[in-house]
Amino acid sequence: QVRLVESGGGSVQTGDSLRLSCAASGRTFMGYTMAWFRQAPGKEREFVARKSYTGPHTAYADGLEGRFTISRDNAKNTVYLQMNSLKPEDTAVYYCAVMPGWSWGTEGSTAAKYDYWGQGTQVTVSS
């Protein structure tokens, strides 16, 4: 049974940093893209960042690269999201997800293309 477990969320102030982690288990994730999405209250789930299994392939939502950094440790089946200079508009539930392969196109940013999801971790940024 595949499980993705996020951790590291919390309540912080504007300008603070957080590092989210997502540990995956239950199968091999060789060749899978690992990604982060988020969903704010009353809004649709949106893509944040994704990273390929090997190589430097990463992609970020517009406006997040430079503040957010995604990384992964394949030996631990874990993906991380370092979030710096947090803003109130970053408040959301953050989810990790995995997808077979890698796509440079819109598929990689589309939630429906991801097979497995975590339960989410809440990030709240106060002004």
Foldseek 3Di string as FASTA:
>chain_A
DKAKAKDWADEEEQFAKIKMKIFIDDDQCVQKKKFKWWDDPPGDIWGAKIDTNDDDDIDGDPPQPVQWDWDDDNVRNMIMIIGGRDDQVVWTWMKMFIAHHDDPDCLNTDPVRTDDMHPTDTHGYHD
